[in-house]
Amino acid sequence: MMSRFSDDATPSRFHPTEADLITYRDLARALGAPPSEAICRYLGPAGQHLVFIGESGQRDWARVDTQARARWPDLPPTGKIASNGKTLESLPERVVYQILESLKHGDMEIDLHQPIMADLGAEKADLTLRRRSAACFIEVIGSCGPNRITRNDHELRGLERFERREAFYRRVGITPVCIFLDLLARPEDLKALCQSLVDRIADDGRDREMSL
């Protein structure tokens, strides 16, 4: 007999608890996008069961979102498409992009995957916050935390791509802002960092204008 908790044709032993659903809801609202299981790794004890569910399979993880959305229909949609319709390369990129978009000044732009220094190589930054001639290069490392420990081949490939760009940054003498996955589990810290980047670009732009 099918479990009363099942919401598809394949019963599962793994279901979110009430606490799981509330954690998922709160993080989704704070980030502006539902979190991935990988983000939940950095929540500490509150995220342990969510990580367990996520590791049990995509169907089980999708059930978390389905049950949370049934309770709170106002949750932001899943996926890589930002609230303004822009398509990002990953969920973490979408989260950072949306926060920056909400904070940036009217004379600022956010470039997606534009060359860092086209005359020196083809490497592209994940995001570039610009105000006139001032620029801040941002790398969103959605495969691991700052300890650079990965759990599977997909995450390892993502880290290797970042490390190739990191080597390029060193060669051209640029220090990017690196946002690792753990910061997405701390939305207020992430928002504070993004605000500081906007403030820095605003100040850099003013300094450059005064020097002309």
C-alpha atoms as a PDB file:
ATOM      1  CA  MET A   1       0.000   0.000   0.000  1.00  0.00           C
ATOM      2  CA  MET A   2       1.369   3.431  -0.972  1.00  0.00           C
ATOM      3  CA  SER A   3       2.486   5.663   1.866  1.00  0.00           C
ATOM      4  CA  ARG A   4       0.104   8.514   2.607  1.00  0.00           C
ATOM      5  CA  PHE A   5       3.107  10.864   2.469  1.00  0.00           C
ATOM      6  CA  SER A   6       3.974  10.041  -1.155  1.00  0.00           C
ATOM      7  CA  ASP A   7       3.209  12.661  -3.797  1.00  0.00           C
ATOM      8  CA  ASP A   8       4.253  10.586  -6.820  1.00  0.00           C
ATOM      9  CA  ALA A   9       4.111   6.971  -8.000  1.00  0.00           C
ATOM     10  CA  THR A  10       7.343   6.023  -6.248  1.00  0.00           C
ATOM     11  CA  PRO A  11       7.095   5.925  -2.462  1.00  0.00           C
ATOM     12  CA  SER A  12      10.146   7.130  -0.541  1.00  0.00           C
ATOM     13  CA  ARG A  13      11.367   6.650   2.992  1.00  0.00           C
ATOM     14  CA  PHE A  14      12.819  10.153   3.026  1.00  0.00           C
ATOM     15  CA  HIS A  15      10.480  13.061   3.735  1.00  0.00           C
ATOM     16  CA  PRO A  16      11.084  16.546   5.134  1.00  0.00           C
ATOM     17  CA  THR A  17      10.128  17.237   8.706  1.00  0.00           C
ATOM     18  CA  GLU A  18       8.255  20.359   9.762  1.00  0.00           C
ATOM     19  CA  ALA A  19      11.564  21.879  10.828  1.00  0.00           C
ATOM     20  CA  ASP A  20      13.072  21.032   7.419  1.00  0.00           C
ATOM     21  CA  LEU A  21      10.254  22.787   5.596  1.00  0.00           C
ATOM     22  CA  ILE A  22      10.549  25.910   7.746  1.00  0.00           C
ATOM     23  CA  THR A  23      14.331  26.006   7.244  1.00  0.00           C
ATOM     24  CA  TYR A  24      13.871  25.605   3.492  1.00  0.00           C
ATOM     25  CA  ARG A  25      11.173  28.314   3.424  1.00  0.00           C
ATOM     26  CA  ASP A  26      13.200  30.811   5.433  1.00  0.00           C
ATOM     27  CA  LEU A  27      16.343  30.333   3.361  1.00  0.00           C
ATOM     28  CA  ALA A  28      14.416  30.550   0.082  1.00  0.00           C
ATOM     29  CA  ARG A  29      12.866  33.852   1.123  1.00  0.00           C
ATOM     30  CA  ALA A  30      16.161  35.259   2.387  1.00  0.00           C
ATOM     31  CA  LEU A  31      18.108  34.251  -0.740  1.00  0.00           C
ATOM     32  CA  GLY A  32      15.404  35.083  -3.254  1.00  0.00           C
ATOM     33  CA  ALA A  33      15.641  31.511  -4.575  1.00  0.00           C
ATOM     34  CA  PRO A  34      15.111  28.055  -3.072  1.00  0.00           C
ATOM     35  CA  PRO A  35      18.389  26.626  -1.772  1.00  0.00           C
ATOM     36  CA  SER A  36      20.079  23.581  -3.212  1.00  0.00           C
ATOM     37  CA  GLU A  37      21.008  20.610  -1.094  1.00  0.00           C
ATOM     38  CA  ALA A  38      24.646  21.716  -1.455  1.00  0.00           C
ATOM     39  CA  ILE A  39      23.893  25.068   0.200  1.00  0.00           C
ATOM     40  CA  CYS A  40      22.165  23.268   3.053  1.00  0.00           C
ATOM     41  CA  ARG A  41      25.457  21.502   3.846  1.00  0.00           C
ATOM     42  CA  TYR A  42      26.621  24.745   5.442  1.00  0.00           C
ATOM     43  CA  LEU A  43      23.594  25.293   7.687  1.00  0.00           C
ATOM     44  CA  GLY A  44      24.978  23.162  10.487  1.00  0.00           C
ATOM     45  CA  PRO A  45      22.558  20.949  12.451  1.00  0.00           C
ATOM     46  CA  ALA A  46      19.497  22.673  10.951  1.00  0.00           C
ATOM     47  CA  GLY A  47      20.469  21.443   7.507  1.00  0.00           C
ATOM     48  CA  GLN A  48      21.602  17.905   8.285  1.00  0.00           C
ATOM     49  CA  HIS A  49      18.354  16.141   7.454  1.00  0.00           C
ATOM     50  CA  LEU A  50      17.853  18.256   4.331  1.00  0.00           C
ATOM     51  CA  VAL A  51      21.304  17.176   3.152  1.00  0.00           C
ATOM     52  CA  PHE A  52      20.390  13.559   3.858  1.00  0.00           C
ATOM     53  CA  ILE A  53      17.245  13.930   1.747  1.00  0.00           C
ATOM     54  CA  GLY A  54      19.163  15.611  -1.049  1.00  0.00           C
ATOM     55  CA  GLU A  55      21.748  12.847  -1.122  1.00  0.00           C
ATOM     56  CA  SER A  56      19.000  10.226  -1.407  1.00  0.00           C
ATOM     57  CA  GLY A  57      18.071  11.397  -4.914  1.00  0.00           C
ATOM     58  CA  GLN A  58      16.575  14.136  -7.047  1.00  0.00           C
ATOM     59  CA  ARG A  59      13.009  12.895  -6.593  1.00  0.00           C
ATOM     60  CA  ASP A  60      13.320  13.128  -2.829  1.00  0.00           C
ATOM     61  CA  TRP A  61      14.839  16.621  -3.020  1.00  0.00           C
ATOM     62  CA  ALA A  62      12.125  17.785  -5.423  1.00  0.00           C
ATOM     63  CA  ARG A  63       9.559  16.597  -2.899  1.00  0.00           C
ATOM     64  CA  VAL A  64      10.935  19.096  -0.360  1.00  0.00           C
ATOM     65  CA  ASP A  65      10.194  21.977  -2.728  1.00  0.00           C
ATOM     66  CA  THR A  66       6.782  20.564  -3.662  1.00  0.00           C
ATOM     67  CA  GLN A  67       5.700  20.255  -0.038  1.00  0.00           C
ATOM     68  CA  ALA A  68       7.111  23.670   0.936  1.00  0.00           C
ATOM     69  CA  ARG A  69       5.440  25.351  -2.059  1.00  0.00           C
ATOM     70  CA  ALA A  70       2.108  23.727  -1.204  1.00  0.00           C
ATOM     71  CA  ARG A  71       2.336  25.407   2.203  1.00  0.00           C
ATOM     72  CA  TRP A  72       3.814  28.712   1.016  1.00  0.00           C
ATOM     73  CA  PRO A  73       2.898  29.387  -2.629  1.00  0.00           C
ATOM     74  CA  ASP A  74       4.756  32.717  -2.573  1.00  0.00           C
ATOM     75  CA  LEU A  75       8.181  31.030  -2.534  1.00  0.00           C
ATOM     76  CA  PRO A  76      10.429  32.152  -5.407  1.00  0.00           C
ATOM     77  CA  PRO A  77      10.773  29.721  -8.315  1.00  0.00           C
ATOM     78  CA  THR A  78      13.598  27.229  -8.529  1.00  0.00           C
ATOM     79  CA  GLY A  79      16.219  27.261 -11.252  1.00  0.00           C
ATOM     80  CA  LYS A  80      18.777  29.553 -12.863  1.00  0.00           C
ATOM     81  CA  ILE A  81      16.451  32.276 -14.178  1.00  0.00           C
ATOM     82  CA  ALA A  82      16.662  35.511 -12.184  1.00  0.00           C
ATOM     83  CA  SER A  83      13.640  37.556 -11.198  1.00  0.00           C
ATOM     84  CA  ASN A  84      14.273  39.954 -14.109  1.00  0.00           C
ATOM     85  CA  GLY A  85      14.367  37.127 -16.664  1.00  0.00           C
ATOM     86  CA  LYS A  86      18.162  36.853 -17.013  1.00  0.00           C
ATOM     87  CA  THR A  87      19.466  33.295 -17.248  1.00  0.00           C
ATOM     88  CA  LEU A  88      22.509  32.563 -15.105  1.00  0.00           C
ATOM     89  CA  GLU A  89      24.791  29.535 -15.268  1.00  0.00           C
ATOM     90  CA  SER A  90      23.956  28.255 -11.795  1.00  0.00           C
ATOM     91  CA  LEU A  91      21.629  28.779  -8.858  1.00  0.00           C
ATOM     92  CA  PRO A  92      24.375  30.370  -6.699  1.00  0.00           C
ATOM     93  CA  GLU A  93      25.132  32.835  -9.521  1.00  0.00           C
ATOM     94  CA  ARG A  94      21.441  33.672  -9.751  1.00  0.00           C
ATOM     95  CA  VAL A  95      21.284  34.404  -6.023  1.00  0.00           C
ATOM     96  CA  VAL A  96      24.315  36.715  -6.062  1.00  0.00           C
ATOM     97  CA  TYR A  97      23.169  38.429  -9.257  1.00  0.00           C
ATOM     98  CA  GLN A  98      19.697  39.125  -7.855  1.00  0.00           C
ATOM     99  CA  ILE A  99      21.089  40.613  -4.660  1.00  0.00           C
ATOM    100  CA  LEU A 100      23.506  42.852  -6.557  1.00  0.00           C
ATOM    101  CA  GLU A 101      20.734  43.859  -8.960  1.00  0.00           C
ATOM    102  CA  SER A 102      18.562  44.917  -6.022  1.00  0.00           C
ATOM    103  CA  LEU A 103      21.366  46.993  -4.465  1.00  0.00           C
ATOM    104  CA  LYS A 104      23.218  48.578  -7.392  1.00  0.00           C
ATOM    105  CA  HIS A 105      22.847  52.235  -8.274  1.00  0.00           C
ATOM    106  CA  GLY A 106      21.147  53.381 -11.450  1.00  0.00           C
ATOM    107  CA  ASP A 107      24.455  54.144 -13.168  1.00  0.00           C
ATOM    108  CA  MET A 108      25.899  50.673 -12.477  1.00  0.00           C
ATOM    109  CA  GLU A 109      25.819  47.585 -14.672  1.00  0.00           C
ATOM    110  CA  ILE A 110      26.267  43.889 -13.988  1.00  0.00           C
ATOM    111  CA  ASP A 111      28.003  42.015 -16.805  1.00  0.00           C
ATOM    112  CA  LEU A 112      27.513  38.265 -17.117  1.00  0.00           C
ATOM    113  CA  HIS A 113      30.480  36.155 -18.250  1.00  0.00           C
ATOM    114  CA  GLN A 114      32.402  38.934 -19.923  1.00  0.00           C
ATOM    115  CA  PRO A 115      36.179  38.680 -20.578  1.00  0.00           C
ATOM    116  CA  ILE A 116      38.334  39.740 -17.662  1.00  0.00           C
ATOM    117  CA  MET A 117      41.019  41.221 -19.916  1.00  0.00           C
ATOM    118  CA  ALA A 118      40.201  40.324 -23.516  1.00  0.00           C
ATOM    119  CA  ASP A 119      43.587  41.425 -24.836  1.00  0.00           C
ATOM    120  CA  LEU A 120      45.387  38.985 -22.525  1.00  0.00           C
ATOM    121  CA  GLY A 121      43.161  35.907 -22.654  1.00  0.00           C
ATOM    122  CA  ALA A 122      39.688  34.478 -23.096  1.00  0.00           C
ATOM    123  CA  GLU A 123      38.934  33.867 -19.403  1.00  0.00           C
ATOM    124  CA  LYS A 124      35.608  35.333 -18.288  1.00  0.00           C
ATOM    125  CA  ALA A 125      34.415  36.487 -14.873  1.00  0.00           C
ATOM    126  CA  ASP A 126      31.175  35.069 -13.507  1.00  0.00           C
ATOM    127  CA  LEU A 127      29.861  38.565 -12.740  1.00  0.00           C
ATOM    128  CA  THR A 128      31.373  42.006 -13.182  1.00  0.00           C
ATOM    129  CA  LEU A 129      29.930  44.974 -11.319  1.00  0.00           C
ATOM    130  CA  ARG A 130      30.768  48.154 -13.235  1.00  0.00           C
ATOM    131  CA  ARG A 131      30.348  51.880 -12.887  1.00  0.00           C
ATOM    132  CA  ARG A 132      31.873  53.677 -15.851  1.00  0.00           C
ATOM    133  CA  SER A 133      35.575  52.766 -15.804  1.00  0.00           C
ATOM    134  CA  ALA A 134      35.472  51.131 -12.350  1.00  0.00           C
ATOM    135  CA  ALA A 135      34.989  47.359 -12.224  1.00  0.00           C
ATOM    136  CA  CYS A 136      34.714  44.642  -9.594  1.00  0.00           C
ATOM    137  CA  PHE A 137      35.200  41.052 -10.773  1.00  0.00           C
ATOM    138  CA  ILE A 138      33.161  38.483  -8.863  1.00  0.00           C
ATOM    139  CA  GLU A 139      33.584  34.713  -8.882  1.00  0.00           C
ATOM    140  CA  VAL A 140      30.758  32.566  -7.492  1.00  0.00           C
ATOM    141  CA  ILE A 141      32.149  29.166  -6.551  1.00  0.00           C
ATOM    142  CA  GLY A 142      29.057  27.003  -6.319  1.00  0.00           C
ATOM    143  CA  SER A 143      30.901  23.720  -5.966  1.00  0.00           C
ATOM    144  CA  CYS A 144      32.418  23.990  -2.494  1.00  0.00           C
ATOM    145  CA  GLY A 145      33.265  26.103   0.526  1.00  0.00           C
ATOM    146  CA  PRO A 146      36.549  27.943   1.095  1.00  0.00           C
ATOM    147  CA  ASN A 147      38.208  24.672   2.171  1.00  0.00           C
ATOM    148  CA  ARG A 148      37.799  23.588  -1.487  1.00  0.00           C
ATOM    149  CA  ILE A 149      36.598  20.115  -0.554  1.00  0.00           C
ATOM    150  CA  THR A 150      34.364  18.612  -3.246  1.00  0.00           C
ATOM    151  CA  ARG A 151      32.144  15.550  -2.975  1.00  0.00           C
ATOM    152  CA  ASN A 152      31.777  14.362  -6.563  1.00  0.00           C
ATOM    153  CA  ASP A 153      33.165  14.735 -10.076  1.00  0.00           C
ATOM    154  CA  HIS A 154      30.689  17.493 -10.985  1.00  0.00           C
ATOM    155  CA  GLU A 155      31.810  19.650  -8.067  1.00  0.00           C
ATOM    156  CA  LEU A 156      35.461  18.869  -8.784  1.00  0.00           C
ATOM    157  CA  ARG A 157      35.089  20.057 -12.382  1.00  0.00           C
ATOM    158  CA  GLY A 158      33.488  23.272 -11.158  1.00  0.00           C
ATOM    159  CA  LEU A 159      36.348  23.890  -8.752  1.00  0.00           C
ATOM    160  CA  GLU A 160      38.918  23.180 -11.476  1.00  0.00           C
ATOM    161  CA  ARG A 161      37.257  25.738 -13.781  1.00  0.00           C
ATOM    162  CA  PHE A 162      37.440  28.345 -11.031  1.00  0.00           C
ATOM    163  CA  GLU A 163      41.070  27.546 -10.273  1.00  0.00           C
ATOM    164  CA  ARG A 164      41.984  28.081 -13.937  1.00  0.00           C
ATOM    165  CA  ARG A 165      40.396  31.522 -13.776  1.00  0.00           C
ATOM    166  CA  GLU A 166      42.065  32.146 -10.427  1.00  0.00           C
ATOM    167  CA  ALA A 167      45.470  31.480 -12.015  1.00  0.00           C
ATOM    168  CA  PHE A 168      44.613  33.917 -14.813  1.00  0.00           C
ATOM    169  CA  TYR A 169      43.662  36.604 -12.296  1.00  0.00           C
ATOM    170  CA  ARG A 170      47.038  36.162 -10.625  1.00  0.00           C
ATOM    171  CA  ARG A 171      48.861  36.483 -13.934  1.00  0.00           C
ATOM    172  CA  VAL A 172      47.146  39.764 -14.791  1.00  0.00           C
ATOM    173  CA  GLY A 173      47.404  41.190 -11.262  1.00  0.00           C
ATOM    174  CA  ILE A 174      43.685  41.311 -10.432  1.00  0.00           C
ATOM    175  CA  THR A 175      42.165  40.189  -7.135  1.00  0.00           C
ATOM    176  CA  PRO A 176      38.570  39.022  -7.679  1.00  0.00           C
ATOM    177  CA  VAL A 177      35.890  38.811  -5.002  1.00  0.00           C
ATOM    178  CA  CYS A 178      35.342  35.086  -4.381  1.00  0.00           C
ATOM    179  CA  ILE A 179      31.981  33.956  -3.039  1.00  0.00           C
ATOM    180  CA  PHE A 180      32.088  30.336  -1.931  1.00  0.00           C
ATOM    181  CA  LEU A 181      29.050  28.180  -1.338  1.00  0.00           C
ATOM    182  CA  ASP A 182      29.081  28.499   2.449  1.00  0.00           C
ATOM    183  CA  LEU A 183      28.267  32.218   2.237  1.00  0.00           C
ATOM    184  CA  LEU A 184      24.911  31.435   0.620  1.00  0.00           C
ATOM    185  CA  ALA A 185      23.926  29.672   3.835  1.00  0.00           C
ATOM    186  CA  ARG A 186      24.383  33.046   5.593  1.00  0.00           C
ATOM    187  CA  PRO A 187      22.135  35.380   3.591  1.00  0.00           C
ATOM    188  CA  GLU A 188      22.663  38.424   5.778  1.00  0.00           C
ATOM    189  CA  ASP A 189      26.445  38.137   5.457  1.00  0.00           C
ATOM    190  CA  LEU A 190      26.085  37.670   1.710  1.00  0.00           C
ATOM    191  CA  LYS A 191      23.900  40.759   1.416  1.00  0.00           C
ATOM    192  CA  ALA A 192      26.351  42.755   3.508  1.00  0.00           C
ATOM    193  CA  LEU A 193      29.200  41.727   1.210  1.00  0.00           C
ATOM    194  CA  CYS A 194      27.203  42.684  -1.881  1.00  0.00           C
ATOM    195  CA  GLN A 195      26.370  46.061  -0.340  1.00  0.00           C
ATOM    196  CA  SER A 196      30.055  46.648   0.360  1.00  0.00           C
ATOM    197  CA  LEU A 197      30.877  45.886  -3.288  1.00  0.00           C
ATOM    198  CA  VAL A 198      28.276  48.360  -4.510  1.00  0.00           C
ATOM    199  CA  ASP A 199      29.636  50.996  -2.107  1.00  0.00           C
ATOM    200  CA  ARG A 200      33.189  50.301  -3.234  1.00  0.00           C
ATOM    201  CA  ILE A 201      32.350  50.674  -6.921  1.00  0.00           C
ATOM    202  CA  ALA A 202      30.476  53.897  -6.184  1.00  0.00           C
ATOM    203  CA  ASP A 203      33.516  55.274  -4.331  1.00  0.00           C
ATOM    204  CA  ASP A 204      35.967  54.051  -7.002  1.00  0.00           C
ATOM    205  CA  GLY A 205      33.883  55.694  -9.693  1.00  0.00           C
ATOM    206  CA  ARG A 206      33.822  59.002  -7.835  1.00  0.00           C
ATOM    207  CA  ASP A 207      37.590  58.853  -7.201  1.00  0.00           C
ATOM    208  CA  ARG A 208      38.263  58.236 -10.890  1.00  0.00           C
ATOM    209  CA  GLU A 209      35.998  61.088 -11.922  1.00  0.00           C
ATOM    210  CA  MET A 210      37.766  63.496  -9.540  1.00  0.00           C
ATOM    211  CA  SER A 211      41.165  62.502 -10.925  1.00  0.00           C
ATOM    212  CA  LEU A 212      40.196  63.347 -14.515  1.00  0.00           C
END
